[in-house]
Amino acid sequence: MDKIENIVTSTFEQVARNTESLTEINFQFKRIDKKFEALNNHILEREADVRLLLEKVGL
């Protein structure tokens, strides 16, 4: 019975560690996603500026 308890306990502990790791990875992906979103918005703004400039010079 002790062997089963040890297996269950170690499995539970490993699942807890894996869950904690996945939570941290998810947090990091969310941070990266926000940075890409900000970069994409910046690119879209610059693209709009270039189009407006091209319209003003008649191209």
PDB file of N, CA and C in Angstrom:
ATOM      1  N   MET A   1       0.820  -1.194   0.000  1.00  0.00           N
ATOM      2  CA  MET A   1       0.000   0.000   0.000  1.00  0.00           C
ATOM      3  C   MET A   1       0.866   1.261   0.000  1.00  0.00           C
ATOM      4  N   ASP A   2       1.994   1.214   0.719  1.00  0.00           N
ATOM      5  CA  ASP A   2       2.894   2.364   0.759  1.00  0.00           C
ATOM      6  C   ASP A   2       3.439   2.701  -0.628  1.00  0.00           C
ATOM      7  N   LYS A   3       3.685   1.662  -1.411  1.00  0.00           N
ATOM      8  CA  LYS A   3       4.210   1.872  -2.755  1.00  0.00           C
ATOM      9  C   LYS A   3       3.203   2.637  -3.610  1.00  0.00           C
ATOM     10  N   ILE A   4       1.940   2.264  -3.506  1.00  0.00           N
ATOM     11  CA  ILE A   4       0.883   2.941  -4.264  1.00  0.00           C
ATOM     12  C   ILE A   4       0.760   4.394  -3.810  1.00  0.00           C
ATOM     13  N   GLU A   5       0.816   4.606  -2.504  1.00  0.00           N
ATOM     14  CA  GLU A   5       0.739   5.972  -1.975  1.00  0.00           C
ATOM     15  C   GLU A   5       1.910   6.814  -2.471  1.00  0.00           C
ATOM     16  N   ASN A   6       3.088   6.224  -2.501  1.00  0.00           N
ATOM     17  CA  ASN A   6       4.266   6.942  -3.001  1.00  0.00           C
ATOM     18  C   ASN A   6       4.114   7.298  -4.473  1.00  0.00           C
ATOM     19  N   ILE A   7       3.607   6.353  -5.245  1.00  0.00           N
ATOM     20  CA  ILE A   7       3.397   6.606  -6.673  1.00  0.00           C
ATOM     21  C   ILE A   7       2.368   7.713  -6.870  1.00  0.00           C
ATOM     22  N   VAL A   8       1.259   7.634  -6.142  1.00  0.00           N
ATOM     23  CA  VAL A   8       0.213   8.653  -6.256  1.00  0.00           C
ATOM     24  C   VAL A   8       0.750  10.012  -5.817  1.00  0.00           C
ATOM     25  N   THR A   9       1.482  10.035  -4.717  1.00  0.00           N
ATOM     26  CA  THR A   9       2.039  11.292  -4.208  1.00  0.00           C
ATOM     27  C   THR A   9       3.030  11.894  -5.189  1.00  0.00           C
ATOM     28  N   SER A  10       3.939  11.085  -5.700  1.00  0.00           N
ATOM     29  CA  SER A  10       4.935  11.613  -6.637  1.00  0.00           C
ATOM     30  C   SER A  10       4.281  12.060  -7.941  1.00  0.00           C
ATOM     31  N   THR A  11       3.256  11.326  -8.372  1.00  0.00           N
ATOM     32  CA  THR A  11       2.532  11.726  -9.581  1.00  0.00           C
ATOM     33  C   THR A  11       1.833  13.065  -9.365  1.00  0.00           C
ATOM     34  N   PHE A  12       1.179  13.207  -8.224  1.00  0.00           N
ATOM     35  CA  PHE A  12       0.502  14.463  -7.904  1.00  0.00           C
ATOM     36  C   PHE A  12       1.499  15.622  -7.857  1.00  0.00           C
ATOM     37  N   GLU A  13       2.647  15.401  -7.225  1.00  0.00           N
ATOM     38  CA  GLU A  13       3.665  16.444  -7.133  1.00  0.00           C
ATOM     39  C   GLU A  13       4.192  16.830  -8.511  1.00  0.00           C
ATOM     40  N   GLN A  14       4.387  15.836  -9.372  1.00  0.00           N
ATOM     41  CA  GLN A  14       4.873  16.122 -10.725  1.00  0.00           C
ATOM     42  C   GLN A  14       3.830  16.897 -11.516  1.00  0.00           C
ATOM     43  N   VAL A  15       2.578  16.517 -11.378  1.00  0.00           N
ATOM     44  CA  VAL A  15       1.498  17.243 -12.060  1.00  0.00           C
ATOM     45  C   VAL A  15       1.453  18.691 -11.571  1.00  0.00           C
ATOM     46  N   ALA A  16       1.622  18.896 -10.278  1.00  0.00           N
ATOM     47  CA  ALA A  16       1.631  20.253  -9.718  1.00  0.00           C
ATOM     48  C   ALA A  16       2.787  21.064 -10.295  1.00  0.00           C
ATOM     49  N   ARG A  17       3.972  20.465 -10.399  1.00  0.00           N
ATOM     50  CA  ARG A  17       5.131  21.170 -10.977  1.00  0.00           C
ATOM     51  C   ARG A  17       4.884  21.489 -12.446  1.00  0.00           C
ATOM     52  N   ASN A  18       4.342  20.518 -13.175  1.00  0.00           N
ATOM     53  CA  ASN A  18       4.068  20.747 -14.595  1.00  0.00           C
ATOM     54  C   ASN A  18       3.029  21.844 -14.787  1.00  0.00           C
ATOM     55  N   THR A  19       2.011  21.852 -13.939  1.00  0.00           N
ATOM     56  CA  THR A  19       0.978  22.879 -14.024  1.00  0.00           C
ATOM     57  C   THR A  19       1.576  24.253 -13.759  1.00  0.00           C
ATOM     58  N   GLU A  20       2.451  24.333 -12.778  1.00  0.00           N
ATOM     59  CA  GLU A  20       3.115  25.605 -12.467  1.00  0.00           C
ATOM     60  C   GLU A  20       3.969  26.064 -13.649  1.00  0.00           C
ATOM     61  N   SER A  21       4.684  25.141 -14.256  1.00  0.00           N
ATOM     62  CA  SER A  21       5.510  25.477 -15.422  1.00  0.00           C
ATOM     63  C   SER A  21       4.649  25.958 -16.580  1.00  0.00           C
ATOM     64  N   LEU A  22       3.553  25.268 -16.822  1.00  0.00           N
ATOM     65  CA  LEU A  22       2.664  25.666 -17.914  1.00  0.00           C
ATOM     66  C   LEU A  22       2.041  27.032 -17.662  1.00  0.00           C
ATOM     67  N   THR A  23       1.739  27.325 -16.417  1.00  0.00           N
ATOM     68  CA  THR A  23       1.193  28.637 -16.073  1.00  0.00           C
ATOM     69  C   THR A  23       2.210  29.729 -16.382  1.00  0.00           C
ATOM     70  N   GLU A  24       3.467  29.494 -16.042  1.00  0.00           N
ATOM     71  CA  GLU A  24       4.523  30.475 -16.322  1.00  0.00           C
ATOM     72  C   GLU A  24       4.729  30.629 -17.826  1.00  0.00           C
ATOM     73  N   ILE A  25       4.731  29.525 -18.551  1.00  0.00           N
ATOM     74  CA  ILE A  25       4.883  29.583 -20.005  1.00  0.00           C
ATOM     75  C   ILE A  25       3.726  30.346 -20.625  1.00  0.00           C
ATOM     76  N   ASN A  26       2.514  30.089 -20.166  1.00  0.00           N
ATOM     77  CA  ASN A  26       1.341  30.796 -20.672  1.00  0.00           C
ATOM     78  C   ASN A  26       1.464  32.297 -20.424  1.00  0.00           C
ATOM     79  N   PHE A  27       1.929  32.675 -19.242  1.00  0.00           N
ATOM     80  CA  PHE A  27       2.129  34.084 -18.911  1.00  0.00           C
ATOM     81  C   PHE A  27       3.135  34.724 -19.868  1.00  0.00           C
ATOM     82  N   GLN A  28       4.236  34.012 -20.130  1.00  0.00           N
ATOM     83  CA  GLN A  28       5.258  34.542 -21.039  1.00  0.00           C
ATOM     84  C   GLN A  28       4.710  34.691 -22.461  1.00  0.00           C
ATOM     85  N   PHE A  29       3.921  33.721 -22.923  1.00  0.00           N
ATOM     86  CA  PHE A  29       3.322  33.824 -24.253  1.00  0.00           C
ATOM     87  C   PHE A  29       2.380  35.018 -24.339  1.00  0.00           C
ATOM     88  N   LYS A  30       1.629  35.277 -23.274  1.00  0.00           N
ATOM     89  CA  LYS A  30       0.731  36.436 -23.271  1.00  0.00           C
ATOM     90  C   LYS A  30       1.525  37.733 -23.366  1.00  0.00           C
ATOM     91  N   ARG A  31       2.657  37.801 -22.671  1.00  0.00           N
ATOM     92  CA  ARG A  31       3.507  38.996 -22.751  1.00  0.00           C
ATOM     93  C   ARG A  31       4.047  39.175 -24.168  1.00  0.00           C
ATOM     94  N   ILE A  32       4.511  38.087 -24.766  1.00  0.00           N
ATOM     95  CA  ILE A  32       5.032  38.143 -26.128  1.00  0.00           C
ATOM     96  C   ILE A  32       3.929  38.556 -27.090  1.00  0.00           C
ATOM     97  N   ASP A  33       2.729  38.006 -26.913  1.00  0.00           N
ATOM     98  CA  ASP A  33       1.600  38.337 -27.776  1.00  0.00           C
ATOM     99  C   ASP A  33       1.279  39.826 -27.708  1.00  0.00           C
ATOM    100  N   LYS A  34       1.314  40.397 -26.512  1.00  0.00           N
ATOM    101  CA  LYS A  34       1.053  41.829 -26.360  1.00  0.00           C
ATOM    102  C   LYS A  34       2.116  42.656 -27.076  1.00  0.00           C
ATOM    103  N   LYS A  35       3.370  42.206 -27.007  1.00  0.00           N
ATOM    104  CA  LYS A  35       4.445  42.931 -27.690  1.00  0.00           C
ATOM    105  C   LYS A  35       4.269  42.859 -29.202  1.00  0.00           C
ATOM    106  N   PHE A  36       3.891  41.699 -29.720  1.00  0.00           N
ATOM    107  CA  PHE A  36       3.640  41.576 -31.155  1.00  0.00           C
ATOM    108  C   PHE A  36       2.448  42.431 -31.580  1.00  0.00           C
ATOM    109  N   GLU A  37       1.431  42.485 -30.745  1.00  0.00           N
ATOM    110  CA  GLU A  37       0.262  43.313 -31.055  1.00  0.00           C
ATOM    111  C   GLU A  37       0.662  44.786 -31.127  1.00  0.00           C
ATOM    112  N   ALA A  38       1.463  45.244 -30.187  1.00  0.00           N
ATOM    113  CA  ALA A  38       1.925  46.632 -30.197  1.00  0.00           C
ATOM    114  C   ALA A  38       2.784  46.903 -31.430  1.00  0.00           C
ATOM    115  N   LEU A  39       3.660  45.965 -31.769  1.00  0.00           N
ATOM    116  CA  LEU A  39       4.500  46.117 -32.952  1.00  0.00           C
ATOM    117  C   LEU A  39       3.651  46.157 -34.215  1.00  0.00           C
ATOM    118  N   ASN A  40       2.666  45.282 -34.306  1.00  0.00           N
ATOM    119  CA  ASN A  40       1.782  45.261 -35.466  1.00  0.00           C
ATOM    120  C   ASN A  40       1.024  46.582 -35.590  1.00  0.00           C
ATOM    121  N   ASN A  41       0.532  47.107 -34.476  1.00  0.00           N
ATOM    122  CA  ASN A  41      -0.170  48.391 -34.507  1.00  0.00           C
ATOM    123  C   ASN A  41       0.751  49.504 -34.988  1.00  0.00           C
ATOM    124  N   HIS A  42       1.990  49.475 -34.542  1.00  0.00           N
ATOM    125  CA  HIS A  42       2.970  50.476 -34.967  1.00  0.00           C
ATOM    126  C   HIS A  42       3.211  50.379 -36.478  1.00  0.00           C
ATOM    127  N   ILE A  43       3.353  49.167 -36.977  1.00  0.00           N
ATOM    128  CA  ILE A  43       3.559  48.965 -38.416  1.00  0.00           C
ATOM    129  C   ILE A  43       2.354  49.472 -39.201  1.00  0.00           C
ATOM    130  N   LEU A  44       1.154  49.168 -38.734  1.00  0.00           N
ATOM    131  CA  LEU A  44      -0.050  49.626 -39.431  1.00  0.00           C
ATOM    132  C   LEU A  44      -0.142  51.151 -39.436  1.00  0.00           C
ATOM    133  N   GLU A  45       0.246  51.786 -38.347  1.00  0.00           N
ATOM    134  CA  GLU A  45       0.249  53.251 -38.297  1.00  0.00           C
ATOM    135  C   GLU A  45       1.248  53.826 -39.295  1.00  0.00           C
ATOM    136  N   ARG A  46       2.434  53.236 -39.365  1.00  0.00           N
ATOM    137  CA  ARG A  46       3.447  53.724 -40.312  1.00  0.00           C
ATOM    138  C   ARG A  46       2.979  53.498 -41.746  1.00  0.00           C
ATOM    139  N   GLU A  47       2.337  52.377 -42.006  1.00  0.00           N
ATOM    140  CA  GLU A  47       1.812  52.099 -43.344  1.00  0.00           C
ATOM    141  C   GLU A  47       0.779  53.150 -43.730  1.00  0.00           C
ATOM    142  N   ALA A  48      -0.090  53.510 -42.801  1.00  0.00           N
ATOM    143  CA  ALA A  48      -1.097  54.543 -43.066  1.00  0.00           C
ATOM    144  C   ALA A  48      -0.417  55.884 -43.327  1.00  0.00           C
ATOM    145  N   ASP A  49       0.640  56.191 -42.580  1.00  0.00           N
ATOM    146  CA  ASP A  49       1.381  57.440 -42.796  1.00  0.00           C
ATOM    147  C   ASP A  49       1.996  57.472 -44.190  1.00  0.00           C
ATOM    148  N   VAL A  50       2.580  56.359 -44.616  1.00  0.00           N
ATOM    149  CA  VAL A  50       3.202  56.284 -45.942  1.00  0.00           C
ATOM    150  C   VAL A  50       2.149  56.449 -47.028  1.00  0.00           C
ATOM    151  N   ARG A  51       1.011  55.804 -46.879  1.00  0.00           N
ATOM    152  CA  ARG A  51      -0.055  55.936 -47.881  1.00  0.00           C
ATOM    153  C   ARG A  51      -0.544  57.374 -47.976  1.00  0.00           C
ATOM    154  N   LEU A  52      -0.706  58.020 -46.845  1.00  0.00           N
ATOM    155  CA  LEU A  52      -1.139  59.413 -46.830  1.00  0.00           C
ATOM    156  C   LEU A  52      -0.100  60.298 -47.509  1.00  0.00           C
ATOM    157  N   LEU A  53       1.164  60.064 -47.230  1.00  0.00           N
ATOM    158  CA  LEU A  53       2.236  60.831 -47.857  1.00  0.00           C
ATOM    159  C   LEU A  53       2.251  60.613 -49.368  1.00  0.00           C
ATOM    160  N   LEU A  54       2.069  59.368 -49.793  1.00  0.00           N
ATOM    161  CA  LEU A  54       2.036  59.073 -51.228  1.00  0.00           C
ATOM    162  C   LEU A  54       0.856  59.761 -51.906  1.00  0.00           C
ATOM    163  N   GLU A  55      -0.274  59.808 -51.236  1.00  0.00           N
ATOM    164  CA  GLU A  55      -1.435  60.511 -51.792  1.00  0.00           C
ATOM    165  C   GLU A  55      -1.149  62.001 -51.926  1.00  0.00           C
ATOM    166  N   LYS A  56      -0.481  62.577 -50.942  1.00  0.00           N
ATOM    167  CA  LYS A  56      -0.183  64.014 -50.965  1.00  0.00           C
ATOM    168  C   LYS A  56       0.761  64.379 -52.097  1.00  0.00           C
ATOM    169  N   VAL A  57       1.712  63.494 -52.409  1.00  0.00           N
ATOM    170  CA  VAL A  57       2.663  63.798 -53.480  1.00  0.00           C
ATOM    171  C   VAL A  57       2.167  63.296 -54.836  1.00  0.00           C
ATOM    172  N   GLY A  58       1.000  62.675 -54.848  1.00  0.00           N
ATOM    173  CA  GLY A  58       0.383  62.273 -56.104  1.00  0.00           C
ATOM    174  C   GLY A  58       0.863  60.956 -56.670  1.00  0.00           C
ATOM    175  N   LEU A  59       1.334  60.079 -55.845  1.00  0.00           N
ATOM    176  CA  LEU A  59       1.776  58.757 -56.340  1.00  0.00           C
ATOM    177  C   LEU A  59       0.749  57.695 -56.045  1.00  0.00           C
TER     178      LEU A  59
END
